[in-house]
Amino acid sequence: MKKAVMEKWVKALRSRDYKRGTGRLRGYVSPSDPERRSRAYENGGEQAFCCLAVLCNIHAQEHPEIAATQTSPYEYLGENEFLPREVMEWAGMDSSDGMFYDEGEESPIVIPKVGKFESLASLNDSNKVGFGRIADWIEKNYRGL
């Protein structure tokens, strides 16, 4: 991963400007009932982000011409669960779900006293750590992303 992109990403994750969500890139904080979720969106409900969606948001801020074409509050560049290829390439990442590679081999993300995770997406969705701990891990291990 590119260091300059990592620095922006960890700063955004630590900013407390983003409410964490799970299961998709972006959504709205509301019950799981689809009808109520739609009403939360229509009524200006609070948007929730996966840690990968925060990276997409930074991409959108740096590429307003692309951001202007986005119409779905749940997707970015047609993706709703993982990073779009364009964001991966811009960030210099090797996988769409934030898989970690150590010495070129897939390796679990290990958070002491919390557990092992396959990727940043699975770590985010585990609800075991917040964006601050995710940012700490990214900052120390970004070269393997």
Protein backbone atom coordinates (compact mmCIF):
# COMPACT_ATOMS: atom_id res chain seq x y z
CA MET A 1 0.00 0.00 0.00
CA LYS A 2 1.19 3.52 -0.72
CA LYS A 3 2.38 5.31 2.40
CA ALA A 4 0.73 8.64 1.51
CA VAL A 5 -2.67 6.93 1.10
CA MET A 6 -2.19 4.98 4.34
CA GLU A 7 -1.51 8.20 6.23
CA LYS A 8 -4.76 9.77 4.99
CA TRP A 9 -6.68 6.59 5.76
CA VAL A 10 -5.48 6.18 9.35
CA LYS A 11 -6.07 9.89 9.99
CA ALA A 12 -9.66 9.53 8.74
CA LEU A 13 -10.25 6.36 10.78
CA ARG A 14 -9.01 8.11 13.92
CA SER A 15 -10.97 11.31 13.25
CA ARG A 16 -14.24 10.06 14.72
CA ASP A 17 -15.96 11.53 11.64
CA TYR A 18 -17.14 8.06 10.59
CA LYS A 19 -19.66 5.81 12.29
CA ARG A 20 -18.62 2.18 11.87
CA GLY A 21 -20.92 -0.18 10.04
CA THR A 22 -20.63 -3.84 9.08
CA GLY A 23 -21.61 -6.19 6.27
CA ARG A 24 -21.21 -3.77 3.37
CA LEU A 25 -19.13 -0.77 2.39
CA ARG A 26 -21.71 1.80 3.41
CA GLY A 27 -25.12 1.77 4.93
CA TYR A 28 -27.31 3.60 7.39
CA VAL A 29 -27.56 3.12 11.11
CA SER A 30 -30.95 1.52 11.60
CA PRO A 31 -32.54 -1.84 12.38
CA SER A 32 -32.02 -4.72 9.97
CA ASP A 33 -35.56 -4.46 8.59
CA PRO A 34 -35.11 -3.31 4.92
CA GLU A 35 -38.17 -1.05 5.04
CA ARG A 36 -36.90 0.74 8.15
CA ARG A 37 -33.39 0.92 6.65
CA SER A 38 -34.85 2.67 3.57
CA ARG A 39 -36.71 5.14 5.77
CA ALA A 40 -33.48 5.87 7.68
CA TYR A 41 -31.85 6.80 4.36
CA GLU A 42 -34.82 8.86 3.18
CA ASN A 43 -34.97 10.71 6.50
CA GLY A 44 -31.28 11.59 6.49
CA GLY A 45 -30.25 8.82 8.88
CA GLU A 46 -26.69 8.57 10.06
CA GLN A 47 -24.44 6.93 7.49
CA ALA A 48 -22.23 4.02 8.62
CA PHE A 49 -18.98 2.92 7.00
CA CYS A 50 -16.83 -0.20 6.84
CA CYS A 51 -13.14 0.66 7.28
CA LEU A 52 -12.77 -0.01 3.52
CA ALA A 53 -15.55 2.48 2.77
CA VAL A 54 -13.56 5.16 4.60
CA LEU A 55 -10.79 4.53 2.07
CA CYS A 56 -13.37 4.79 -0.74
CA ASN A 57 -14.52 8.09 0.73
CA ILE A 58 -10.96 9.45 0.61
CA HIS A 59 -10.73 8.31 -3.02
CA ALA A 60 -13.99 10.15 -3.74
CA GLN A 61 -12.68 13.34 -2.09
CA GLU A 62 -9.58 13.20 -4.28
CA HIS A 63 -11.57 12.35 -7.42
CA PRO A 64 -14.70 14.56 -7.28
CA GLU A 65 -15.44 13.87 -10.95
CA ILE A 66 -15.90 10.20 -10.08
CA ALA A 67 -17.74 10.91 -6.83
CA ALA A 68 -20.26 13.03 -8.74
CA THR A 69 -21.33 9.98 -10.76
CA GLN A 70 -22.19 7.86 -7.71
CA THR A 71 -25.91 7.48 -7.10
CA SER A 72 -26.22 4.71 -4.51
CA PRO A 73 -25.61 5.40 -0.82
CA TYR A 74 -24.63 1.73 -0.41
CA GLU A 75 -22.05 1.37 -3.20
CA TYR A 76 -18.92 2.94 -4.57
CA LEU A 77 -18.00 2.39 -8.22
CA GLY A 78 -20.50 -0.48 -8.38
CA GLU A 79 -19.12 -2.36 -5.36
CA ASN A 80 -21.04 -2.75 -2.11
CA GLU A 81 -18.87 -5.14 -0.06
CA PHE A 82 -15.23 -4.71 -1.07
CA LEU A 83 -12.91 -2.16 -2.66
CA PRO A 84 -13.45 -1.39 -6.33
CA ARG A 85 -10.44 -2.18 -8.52
CA GLU A 86 -9.90 1.52 -9.21
CA VAL A 87 -9.54 2.25 -5.47
CA MET A 88 -7.22 -0.74 -5.00
CA GLU A 89 -4.94 0.50 -7.77
CA TRP A 90 -5.00 4.10 -6.52
CA ALA A 91 -4.13 2.96 -2.98
CA GLY A 92 -1.58 0.39 -4.12
CA MET A 93 -3.38 -2.50 -2.42
CA ASP A 94 -3.22 -6.14 -3.50
CA SER A 95 -6.72 -7.27 -2.51
CA SER A 96 -10.24 -5.90 -2.46
CA ASP A 97 -10.97 -7.04 1.10
CA GLY A 98 -7.75 -5.90 2.77
CA MET A 99 -5.98 -9.27 2.84
CA PHE A 100 -2.58 -9.05 4.54
CA TYR A 101 0.53 -10.47 2.88
CA ASP A 102 3.70 -11.14 4.87
CA GLU A 103 6.74 -11.90 2.73
CA GLY A 104 4.40 -12.45 -0.23
CA GLU A 105 2.29 -15.07 1.57
CA GLU A 106 -1.28 -14.63 2.82
CA SER A 107 -1.11 -14.12 6.55
CA PRO A 108 -3.79 -13.55 9.19
CA ILE A 109 -4.30 -10.16 10.78
CA VAL A 110 -3.49 -10.68 14.43
CA ILE A 111 -4.83 -8.31 17.07
CA PRO A 112 -3.37 -9.23 20.47
CA LYS A 113 -5.98 -10.39 22.99
CA VAL A 114 -8.67 -10.17 20.30
CA GLY A 115 -7.96 -12.81 17.66
CA LYS A 116 -6.92 -13.62 14.09
CA PHE A 117 -8.77 -12.34 11.04
CA GLU A 118 -8.59 -13.12 7.32
CA SER A 119 -8.73 -9.50 6.16
CA LEU A 120 -9.57 -5.94 7.15
CA ALA A 121 -13.16 -6.60 6.04
CA SER A 122 -13.50 -9.54 8.45
CA LEU A 123 -11.78 -7.59 11.23
CA ASN A 124 -14.18 -4.68 10.71
CA ASP A 125 -17.22 -6.97 10.66
CA SER A 126 -16.18 -8.83 13.80
CA ASN A 127 -17.28 -5.87 15.97
CA LYS A 128 -14.38 -6.68 18.29
CA VAL A 129 -12.35 -3.53 17.71
CA GLY A 130 -13.08 0.03 16.66
CA PHE A 131 -11.62 2.18 13.93
CA GLY A 132 -8.80 3.35 16.22
CA ARG A 133 -7.39 -0.17 16.65
CA ILE A 134 -7.89 -0.87 12.96
CA ALA A 135 -5.96 2.32 12.16
CA ASP A 136 -3.15 1.29 14.52
CA TRP A 137 -2.85 -2.07 12.74
CA ILE A 138 -2.90 -0.49 9.27
CA GLU A 139 -0.23 2.04 10.25
CA LYS A 140 2.13 -0.71 11.42
CA ASN A 141 1.42 -3.18 8.60
CA TYR A 142 0.44 -1.14 5.53
CA ARG A 143 3.31 -2.49 3.41
CA GLY A 144 1.62 -5.92 3.44
CA LEU A 145 -1.69 -4.63 2.14
